[in-house]
Amino acid sequence: MTPNTTTAAIAPTATVELLVGIFRDVLRLPELTAETDFYEAGGDSLTAFQITGRLQELLGADVPVSLVFAYPTPRELAEVVDADYGTA
């Protein structure tokens, strides 16, 4: 992404939409967006494990919980998931 590109201009991928749904459900925030920060939304280690657990079920791959902490928005996490595990 170039510095002048806004994330609003980027179309959401299936993985982004999937992660937004998972984050919304786990964090109980129906208004959560692809840009919502996990920490600012009240996320903690338990919810991070819930997110990766759901991803593991859907992808059939071991997704480290550390990824949620390192990439705290659904959009950021989706980029890593797509790169490392393929598109969901």
PDB file of N, CA and C in Angstrom:
ATOM      1  N   MET A   1       0.849  -1.166   0.000  1.00  0.00           N
ATOM      2  CA  MET A   1       0.000   0.000   0.000  1.00  0.00           C
ATOM      3  C   MET A   1       0.897   1.232   0.000  1.00  0.00           C
ATOM      4  N   THR A   2       0.578   2.189  -0.829  1.00  0.00           N
ATOM      5  CA  THR A   2       1.343   3.422  -0.864  1.00  0.00           C
ATOM      6  C   THR A   2       0.889   4.320   0.272  1.00  0.00           C
ATOM      7  N   PRO A   3       1.744   5.235   0.709  1.00  0.00           N
ATOM      8  CA  PRO A   3       1.380   6.106   1.830  1.00  0.00           C
ATOM      9  C   PRO A   3       0.129   6.944   1.578  1.00  0.00           C
ATOM     10  N   ASN A   4      -0.169   7.263   0.323  1.00  0.00           N
ATOM     11  CA  ASN A   4      -1.328   8.095   0.023  1.00  0.00           C
ATOM     12  C   ASN A   4      -2.615   7.301  -0.158  1.00  0.00           C
ATOM     13  N   THR A   5      -2.534   5.991  -0.121  1.00  0.00           N
ATOM     14  CA  THR A   5      -3.709   5.152  -0.300  1.00  0.00           C
ATOM     15  C   THR A   5      -4.428   4.998   1.035  1.00  0.00           C
ATOM     16  N   THR A   6      -5.722   5.250   1.035  1.00  0.00           N
ATOM     17  CA  THR A   6      -6.491   5.062   2.262  1.00  0.00           C
ATOM     18  C   THR A   6      -7.073   3.666   2.268  1.00  0.00           C
ATOM     19  N   THR A   7      -7.234   3.119   3.446  1.00  0.00           N
ATOM     20  CA  THR A   7      -7.786   1.776   3.541  1.00  0.00           C
ATOM     21  C   THR A   7      -9.247   1.750   3.119  1.00  0.00           C
ATOM     22  N   ALA A   8      -9.929   2.878   3.166  1.00  0.00           N
ATOM     23  CA  ALA A   8     -11.327   2.922   2.745  1.00  0.00           C
ATOM     24  C   ALA A   8     -11.452   2.636   1.254  1.00  0.00           C
ATOM     25  N   ALA A   9     -10.389   2.900   0.497  1.00  0.00           N
ATOM     26  CA  ALA A   9     -10.424   2.688  -0.941  1.00  0.00           C
ATOM     27  C   ALA A   9     -10.158   1.233  -1.311  1.00  0.00           C
ATOM     28  N   ILE A  10      -9.733   0.438  -0.364  1.00  0.00           N
ATOM     29  CA  ILE A  10      -9.410  -0.963  -0.621  1.00  0.00           C
ATOM     30  C   ILE A  10     -10.643  -1.818  -0.384  1.00  0.00           C
ATOM     31  N   ALA A  11     -11.019  -2.586  -1.396  1.00  0.00           N
ATOM     32  CA  ALA A  11     -12.191  -3.457  -1.264  1.00  0.00           C
ATOM     33  C   ALA A  11     -11.886  -4.568  -0.274  1.00  0.00           C
ATOM     34  N   PRO A  12     -12.849  -4.892   0.580  1.00  0.00           N
ATOM     35  CA  PRO A  12     -12.602  -5.965   1.543  1.00  0.00           C
ATOM     36  C   PRO A  12     -12.532  -7.324   0.850  1.00  0.00           C
ATOM     37  N   THR A  13     -11.621  -8.158   1.311  1.00  0.00           N
ATOM     38  CA  THR A  13     -11.519  -9.514   0.789  1.00  0.00           C
ATOM     39  C   THR A  13     -12.456 -10.412   1.584  1.00  0.00           C
ATOM     40  N   ALA A  14     -12.627 -11.617   1.115  1.00  0.00           N
ATOM     41  CA  ALA A  14     -13.452 -12.582   1.848  1.00  0.00           C
ATOM     42  C   ALA A  14     -12.874 -12.813   3.238  1.00  0.00           C
ATOM     43  N   THR A  15     -11.542 -12.801   3.342  1.00  0.00           N
ATOM     44  CA  THR A  15     -10.904 -13.021   4.637  1.00  0.00           C
ATOM     45  C   THR A  15     -11.168 -11.854   5.579  1.00  0.00           C
ATOM     46  N   VAL A  16     -11.122 -10.638   5.058  1.00  0.00           N
ATOM     47  CA  VAL A  16     -11.429  -9.463   5.886  1.00  0.00           C
ATOM     48  C   VAL A  16     -12.858  -9.569   6.400  1.00  0.00           C
ATOM     49  N   GLU A  17     -13.786  -9.879   5.515  1.00  0.00           N
ATOM     50  CA  GLU A  17     -15.188  -9.990   5.922  1.00  0.00           C
ATOM     51  C   GLU A  17     -15.379 -11.107   6.937  1.00  0.00           C
ATOM     52  N   LEU A  18     -14.701 -12.213   6.743  1.00  0.00           N
ATOM     53  CA  LEU A  18     -14.759 -13.323   7.692  1.00  0.00           C
ATOM     54  C   LEU A  18     -14.241 -12.884   9.062  1.00  0.00           C
ATOM     55  N   LEU A  19     -13.098 -12.202   9.076  1.00  0.00           N
ATOM     56  CA  LEU A  19     -12.518 -11.765  10.340  1.00  0.00           C
ATOM     57  C   LEU A  19     -13.350 -10.692  11.015  1.00  0.00           C
ATOM     58  N   VAL A  20     -13.940  -9.802  10.251  1.00  0.00           N
ATOM     59  CA  VAL A  20     -14.837  -8.803  10.854  1.00  0.00           C
ATOM     60  C   VAL A  20     -15.972  -9.529  11.568  1.00  0.00           C
ATOM     61  N   GLY A  21     -16.542 -10.544  10.935  1.00  0.00           N
ATOM     62  CA  GLY A  21     -17.616 -11.313  11.564  1.00  0.00           C
ATOM     63  C   GLY A  21     -17.166 -12.010  12.834  1.00  0.00           C
ATOM     64  N   ILE A  22     -15.983 -12.605  12.793  1.00  0.00           N
ATOM     65  CA  ILE A  22     -15.452 -13.290  13.974  1.00  0.00           C
ATOM     66  C   ILE A  22     -15.183 -12.290  15.091  1.00  0.00           C
ATOM     67  N   PHE A  23     -14.517 -11.172  14.770  1.00  0.00           N
ATOM     68  CA  PHE A  23     -14.237 -10.149  15.776  1.00  0.00           C
ATOM     69  C   PHE A  23     -15.542  -9.630  16.374  1.00  0.00           C
ATOM     70  N   ARG A  24     -16.545  -9.352  15.523  1.00  0.00           N
ATOM     71  CA  ARG A  24     -17.833  -8.839  16.017  1.00  0.00           C
ATOM     72  C   ARG A  24     -18.462  -9.815  17.000  1.00  0.00           C
ATOM     73  N   ASP A  25     -18.436 -11.084  16.642  1.00  0.00           N
ATOM     74  CA  ASP A  25     -19.057 -12.105  17.478  1.00  0.00           C
ATOM     75  C   ASP A  25     -18.308 -12.280  18.797  1.00  0.00           C
ATOM     76  N   VAL A  26     -17.012 -12.441  18.709  1.00  0.00           N
ATOM     77  CA  VAL A  26     -16.201 -12.698  19.910  1.00  0.00           C
ATOM     78  C   VAL A  26     -16.187 -11.482  20.844  1.00  0.00           C
ATOM     79  N   LEU A  27     -16.054 -10.292  20.268  1.00  0.00           N
ATOM     80  CA  LEU A  27     -15.984  -9.081  21.085  1.00  0.00           C
ATOM     81  C   LEU A  27     -17.365  -8.501  21.383  1.00  0.00           C
ATOM     82  N   ARG A  28     -18.411  -9.092  20.784  1.00  0.00           N
ATOM     83  CA  ARG A  28     -19.798  -8.640  20.982  1.00  0.00           C
ATOM     84  C   ARG A  28     -19.983  -7.165  20.633  1.00  0.00           C
ATOM     85  N   LEU A  29     -19.450  -6.817  19.453  1.00  0.00           N
ATOM     86  CA  LEU A  29     -19.541  -5.445  18.971  1.00  0.00           C
ATOM     87  C   LEU A  29     -20.057  -5.446  17.526  1.00  0.00           C
ATOM     88  N   PRO A  30     -21.365  -5.359  17.339  1.00  0.00           N
ATOM     89  CA  PRO A  30     -21.916  -5.423  15.979  1.00  0.00           C
ATOM     90  C   PRO A  30     -21.462  -4.279  15.086  1.00  0.00           C
ATOM     91  N   GLU A  31     -20.999  -3.170  15.659  1.00  0.00           N
ATOM     92  CA  GLU A  31     -20.576  -2.023  14.862  1.00  0.00           C
ATOM     93  C   GLU A  31     -19.096  -2.083  14.467  1.00  0.00           C
ATOM     94  N   LEU A  32     -18.377  -3.105  14.884  1.00  0.00           N
ATOM     95  CA  LEU A  32     -16.957  -3.253  14.600  1.00  0.00           C
ATOM     96  C   LEU A  32     -16.713  -3.262  13.095  1.00  0.00           C
ATOM     97  N   THR A  33     -15.628  -2.610  12.643  1.00  0.00           N
ATOM     98  CA  THR A  33     -15.272  -2.553  11.227  1.00  0.00           C
ATOM     99  C   THR A  33     -13.927  -3.228  10.989  1.00  0.00           C
ATOM    100  N   ALA A  34     -13.523  -3.263   9.742  1.00  0.00           N
ATOM    101  CA  ALA A  34     -12.235  -3.852   9.380  1.00  0.00           C
ATOM    102  C   ALA A  34     -11.061  -3.076   9.966  1.00  0.00           C
ATOM    103  N   GLU A  35     -11.306  -1.834  10.364  1.00  0.00           N
ATOM    104  CA  GLU A  35     -10.242  -0.988  10.905  1.00  0.00           C
ATOM    105  C   GLU A  35     -10.252  -0.910  12.430  1.00  0.00           C
ATOM    106  N   THR A  36     -11.188  -1.570  13.078  1.00  0.00           N
ATOM    107  CA  THR A  36     -11.279  -1.516  14.541  1.00  0.00           C
ATOM    108  C   THR A  36     -10.103  -2.261  15.166  1.00  0.00           C
ATOM    109  N   ASP A  37      -9.443  -1.603  16.093  1.00  0.00           N
ATOM    110  CA  ASP A  37      -8.302  -2.192  16.782  1.00  0.00           C
ATOM    111  C   ASP A  37      -8.775  -3.151  17.875  1.00  0.00           C
ATOM    112  N   PHE A  38      -8.217  -4.325  17.884  1.00  0.00           N
ATOM    113  CA  PHE A  38      -8.544  -5.373  18.843  1.00  0.00           C
ATOM    114  C   PHE A  38      -8.440  -4.877  20.286  1.00  0.00           C
ATOM    115  N   TYR A  39      -7.363  -4.168  20.600  1.00  0.00           N
ATOM    116  CA  TYR A  39      -7.149  -3.682  21.971  1.00  0.00           C
ATOM    117  C   TYR A  39      -8.165  -2.616  22.346  1.00  0.00           C
ATOM    118  N   GLU A  40      -8.368  -1.663  21.446  1.00  0.00           N
ATOM    119  CA  GLU A  40      -9.307  -0.570  21.713  1.00  0.00           C
ATOM    120  C   GLU A  40     -10.748  -1.070  21.836  1.00  0.00           C
ATOM    121  N   ALA A  41     -11.028  -2.217  21.224  1.00  0.00           N
ATOM    122  CA  ALA A  41     -12.369  -2.806  21.284  1.00  0.00           C
ATOM    123  C   ALA A  41     -12.555  -3.660  22.536  1.00  0.00           C
ATOM    124  N   GLY A  42     -11.543  -3.722  23.397  1.00  0.00           N
ATOM    125  CA  GLY A  42     -11.658  -4.479  24.641  1.00  0.00           C
ATOM    126  C   GLY A  42     -11.127  -5.887  24.564  1.00  0.00           C
ATOM    127  N   GLY A  43     -10.376  -6.199  23.512  1.00  0.00           N
ATOM    128  CA  GLY A  43      -9.822  -7.541  23.365  1.00  0.00           C
ATOM    129  C   GLY A  43      -8.783  -7.860  24.422  1.00  0.00           C
ATOM    130  N   ASP A  44      -8.700  -9.142  24.780  1.00  0.00           N
ATOM    131  CA  ASP A  44      -7.716  -9.624  25.741  1.00  0.00           C
ATOM    132  C   ASP A  44      -7.228 -10.985  25.276  1.00  0.00           C
ATOM    133  N   SER A  45      -6.416 -11.632  26.081  1.00  0.00           N
ATOM    134  CA  SER A  45      -5.842 -12.913  25.658  1.00  0.00           C
ATOM    135  C   SER A  45      -6.914 -13.977  25.425  1.00  0.00           C
ATOM    136  N   LEU A  46      -7.958 -13.991  26.226  1.00  0.00           N
ATOM    137  CA  LEU A  46      -9.026 -14.970  26.039  1.00  0.00           C
ATOM    138  C   LEU A  46      -9.723 -14.772  24.697  1.00  0.00           C
ATOM    139  N   THR A  47     -10.057 -13.538  24.369  1.00  0.00           N
ATOM    140  CA  THR A  47     -10.731 -13.293  23.094  1.00  0.00           C
ATOM    141  C   THR A  47      -9.790 -13.535  21.912  1.00  0.00           C
ATOM    142  N   ALA A  48      -8.504 -13.286  22.095  1.00  0.00           N
ATOM    143  CA  ALA A  48      -7.538 -13.582  21.034  1.00  0.00           C
ATOM    144  C   ALA A  48      -7.514 -15.080  20.745  1.00  0.00           C
ATOM    145  N   PHE A  49      -7.548 -15.897  21.793  1.00  0.00           N
ATOM    146  CA  PHE A  49      -7.590 -17.355  21.608  1.00  0.00           C
ATOM    147  C   PHE A  49      -8.894 -17.788  20.937  1.00  0.00           C
ATOM    148  N   GLN A  50      -9.990 -17.134  21.253  1.00  0.00           N
ATOM    149  CA  GLN A  50     -11.265 -17.457  20.611  1.00  0.00           C
ATOM    150  C   GLN A  50     -11.214 -17.137  19.122  1.00  0.00           C
ATOM    151  N   ILE A  51     -10.615 -16.015  18.776  1.00  0.00           N
ATOM    152  CA  ILE A  51     -10.495 -15.624  17.370  1.00  0.00           C
ATOM    153  C   ILE A  51      -9.641 -16.630  16.609  1.00  0.00           C
ATOM    154  N   THR A  52      -8.467 -16.970  17.150  1.00  0.00           N
ATOM    155  CA  THR A  52      -7.599 -17.911  16.438  1.00  0.00           C
ATOM    156  C   THR A  52      -8.202 -19.311  16.408  1.00  0.00           C
ATOM    157  N   GLY A  53      -8.937 -19.675  17.442  1.00  0.00           N
ATOM    158  CA  GLY A  53      -9.604 -20.974  17.439  1.00  0.00           C
ATOM    159  C   GLY A  53     -10.606 -21.093  16.300  1.00  0.00           C
ATOM    160  N   ARG A  54     -11.367 -20.047  16.091  1.00  0.00           N
ATOM    161  CA  ARG A  54     -12.331 -20.058  14.988  1.00  0.00           C
ATOM    162  C   ARG A  54     -11.639 -20.079  13.634  1.00  0.00           C
ATOM    163  N   LEU A  55     -10.563 -19.325  13.529  1.00  0.00           N
ATOM    164  CA  LEU A  55      -9.797 -19.335  12.279  1.00  0.00           C
ATOM    165  C   LEU A  55      -9.230 -20.722  12.006  1.00  0.00           C
ATOM    166  N   GLN A  56      -8.707 -21.356  13.036  1.00  0.00           N
ATOM    167  CA  GLN A  56      -8.148 -22.700  12.874  1.00  0.00           C
ATOM    168  C   GLN A  56      -9.200 -23.686  12.397  1.00  0.00           C
ATOM    169  N   GLU A  57     -10.410 -23.580  12.943  1.00  0.00           N
ATOM    170  CA  GLU A  57     -11.498 -24.455  12.504  1.00  0.00           C
ATOM    171  C   GLU A  57     -11.809 -24.243  11.028  1.00  0.00           C
ATOM    172  N   LEU A  58     -11.838 -22.995  10.593  1.00  0.00           N
ATOM    173  CA  LEU A  58     -12.196 -22.671   9.218  1.00  0.00           C
ATOM    174  C   LEU A  58     -11.082 -22.958   8.226  1.00  0.00           C
ATOM    175  N   LEU A  59      -9.836 -22.741   8.637  1.00  0.00           N
ATOM    176  CA  LEU A  59      -8.708 -22.902   7.728  1.00  0.00           C
ATOM    177  C   LEU A  59      -8.055 -24.269   7.803  1.00  0.00           C
ATOM    178  N   GLY A  60      -8.279 -24.963   8.914  1.00  0.00           N
ATOM    179  CA  GLY A  60      -7.613 -26.245   9.100  1.00  0.00           C
ATOM    180  C   GLY A  60      -6.111 -26.086   9.291  1.00  0.00           C
ATOM    181  N   ALA A  61      -5.701 -24.927   9.802  1.00  0.00           N
ATOM    182  CA  ALA A  61      -4.280 -24.658  10.013  1.00  0.00           C
ATOM    183  C   ALA A  61      -4.090 -24.064  11.399  1.00  0.00           C
ATOM    184  N   ASP A  62      -2.905 -24.280  11.952  1.00  0.00           N
ATOM    185  CA  ASP A  62      -2.584 -23.750  13.274  1.00  0.00           C
ATOM    186  C   ASP A  62      -2.229 -22.268  13.141  1.00  0.00           C
ATOM    187  N   VAL A  63      -3.119 -21.405  13.614  1.00  0.00           N
ATOM    188  CA  VAL A  63      -2.913 -19.960  13.547  1.00  0.00           C
ATOM    189  C   VAL A  63      -2.467 -19.482  14.925  1.00  0.00           C
ATOM    190  N   PRO A  64      -1.241 -18.992  15.045  1.00  0.00           N
ATOM    191  CA  PRO A  64      -0.745 -18.568  16.362  1.00  0.00           C
ATOM    192  C   PRO A  64      -1.515 -17.365  16.906  1.00  0.00           C
ATOM    193  N   VAL A  65      -1.809 -17.395  18.179  1.00  0.00           N
ATOM    194  CA  VAL A  65      -2.528 -16.297  18.820  1.00  0.00           C
ATOM    195  C   VAL A  65      -1.717 -15.012  18.757  1.00  0.00           C
ATOM    196  N   SER A  66      -0.426 -15.123  18.665  1.00  0.00           N
ATOM    197  CA  SER A  66       0.426 -13.935  18.595  1.00  0.00           C
ATOM    198  C   SER A  66       0.108 -13.067  17.378  1.00  0.00           C
ATOM    199  N   LEU A  67      -0.466 -13.658  16.333  1.00  0.00           N
ATOM    200  CA  LEU A  67      -0.829 -12.870  15.156  1.00  0.00           C
ATOM    201  C   LEU A  67      -1.906 -11.846  15.469  1.00  0.00           C
ATOM    202  N   VAL A  68      -2.837 -12.194  16.347  1.00  0.00           N
ATOM    203  CA  VAL A  68      -3.891 -11.246  16.724  1.00  0.00           C
ATOM    204  C   VAL A  68      -3.275 -10.054  17.442  1.00  0.00           C
ATOM    205  N   PHE A  69      -2.274 -10.306  18.268  1.00  0.00           N
ATOM    206  CA  PHE A  69      -1.626  -9.223  18.999  1.00  0.00           C
ATOM    207  C   PHE A  69      -0.744  -8.375  18.072  1.00  0.00           C
ATOM    208  N   ALA A  70      -0.091  -9.005  17.113  1.00  0.00           N
ATOM    209  CA  ALA A  70       0.804  -8.294  16.200  1.00  0.00           C
ATOM    210  C   ALA A  70       0.051  -7.539  15.107  1.00  0.00           C
ATOM    211  N   TYR A  71      -1.113  -8.058  14.712  1.00  0.00           N
ATOM    212  CA  TYR A  71      -1.924  -7.464  13.643  1.00  0.00           C
ATOM    213  C   TYR A  71      -3.335  -7.276  14.187  1.00  0.00           C
ATOM    214  N   PRO A  72      -3.574  -6.203  14.957  1.00  0.00           N
ATOM    215  CA  PRO A  72      -4.786  -6.096  15.767  1.00  0.00           C
ATOM    216  C   PRO A  72      -6.079  -5.662  15.074  1.00  0.00           C
ATOM    217  N   THR A  73      -6.048  -5.373  13.780  1.00  0.00           N
ATOM    218  CA  THR A  73      -7.317  -5.068  13.114  1.00  0.00           C
ATOM    219  C   THR A  73      -7.676  -6.230  12.204  1.00  0.00           C
ATOM    220  N   PRO A  74      -8.956  -6.432  11.923  1.00  0.00           N
ATOM    221  CA  PRO A  74      -9.323  -7.505  11.000  1.00  0.00           C
ATOM    222  C   PRO A  74      -8.622  -7.383   9.645  1.00  0.00           C
ATOM    223  N   ARG A  75      -8.475  -6.159   9.140  1.00  0.00           N
ATOM    224  CA  ARG A  75      -7.818  -5.973   7.835  1.00  0.00           C
ATOM    225  C   ARG A  75      -6.349  -6.391   7.891  1.00  0.00           C
ATOM    226  N   GLU A  76      -5.631  -5.963   8.927  1.00  0.00           N
ATOM    227  CA  GLU A  76      -4.209  -6.323   9.051  1.00  0.00           C
ATOM    228  C   GLU A  76      -4.041  -7.832   9.216  1.00  0.00           C
ATOM    229  N   LEU A  77      -4.867  -8.419  10.053  1.00  0.00           N
ATOM    230  CA  LEU A  77      -4.785  -9.859  10.289  1.00  0.00           C
ATOM    231  C   LEU A  77      -5.128 -10.632   9.020  1.00  0.00           C
ATOM    232  N   ALA A  78      -6.100 -10.154   8.259  1.00  0.00           N
ATOM    233  CA  ALA A  78      -6.490 -10.822   7.012  1.00  0.00           C
ATOM    234  C   ALA A  78      -5.341 -10.861   6.017  1.00  0.00           C
ATOM    235  N   GLU A  79      -4.571  -9.788   5.934  1.00  0.00           N
ATOM    236  CA  GLU A  79      -3.429  -9.759   5.017  1.00  0.00           C
ATOM    237  C   GLU A  79      -2.429 -10.853   5.357  1.00  0.00           C
ATOM    238  N   VAL A  80      -2.163 -11.037   6.640  1.00  0.00           N
ATOM    239  CA  VAL A  80      -1.216 -12.062   7.074  1.00  0.00           C
ATOM    240  C   VAL A  80      -1.800 -13.457   6.860  1.00  0.00           C
ATOM    241  N   VAL A  81      -3.061 -13.628   7.205  1.00  0.00           N
ATOM    242  CA  VAL A  81      -3.714 -14.925   7.030  1.00  0.00           C
ATOM    243  C   VAL A  81      -3.714 -15.310   5.552  1.00  0.00           C
ATOM    244  N   ASP A  82      -4.066 -14.375   4.681  1.00  0.00           N
ATOM    245  CA  ASP A  82      -4.075 -14.671   3.245  1.00  0.00           C
ATOM    246  C   ASP A  82      -2.668 -15.023   2.743  1.00  0.00           C
ATOM    247  N   ALA A  83      -1.666 -14.283   3.213  1.00  0.00           N
ATOM    248  CA  ALA A  83      -0.296 -14.534   2.770  1.00  0.00           C
ATOM    249  C   ALA A  83       0.248 -15.861   3.293  1.00  0.00           C
ATOM    250  N   ASP A  84      -0.057 -16.189   4.540  1.00  0.00           N
ATOM    251  CA  ASP A  84       0.516 -17.382   5.174  1.00  0.00           C
ATOM    252  C   ASP A  84      -0.314 -18.650   5.019  1.00  0.00           C
ATOM    253  N   TYR A  85      -1.636 -18.502   4.895  1.00  0.00           N
ATOM    254  CA  TYR A  85      -2.515 -19.676   4.909  1.00  0.00           C
ATOM    255  C   TYR A  85      -3.425 -19.768   3.687  1.00  0.00           C
ATOM    256  N   GLY A  86      -3.365 -18.800   2.806  1.00  0.00           N
ATOM    257  CA  GLY A  86      -4.254 -18.777   1.652  1.00  0.00           C
ATOM    258  C   GLY A  86      -5.530 -18.052   1.992  1.00  0.00           C
ATOM    259  N   THR A  87      -6.248 -17.662   0.974  1.00  0.00           N
ATOM    260  CA  THR A  87      -7.495 -16.920   1.171  1.00  0.00           C
ATOM    261  C   THR A  87      -8.544 -17.800   1.802  1.00  0.00           C
ATOM    262  N   ALA A  88      -9.209 -17.265   2.805  1.00  0.00           N
ATOM    263  CA  ALA A  88     -10.258 -18.022   3.512  1.00  0.00           C
ATOM    264  C   ALA A  88     -11.495 -18.113   2.669  1.00  0.00           C
TER     265      ALA A  88
END
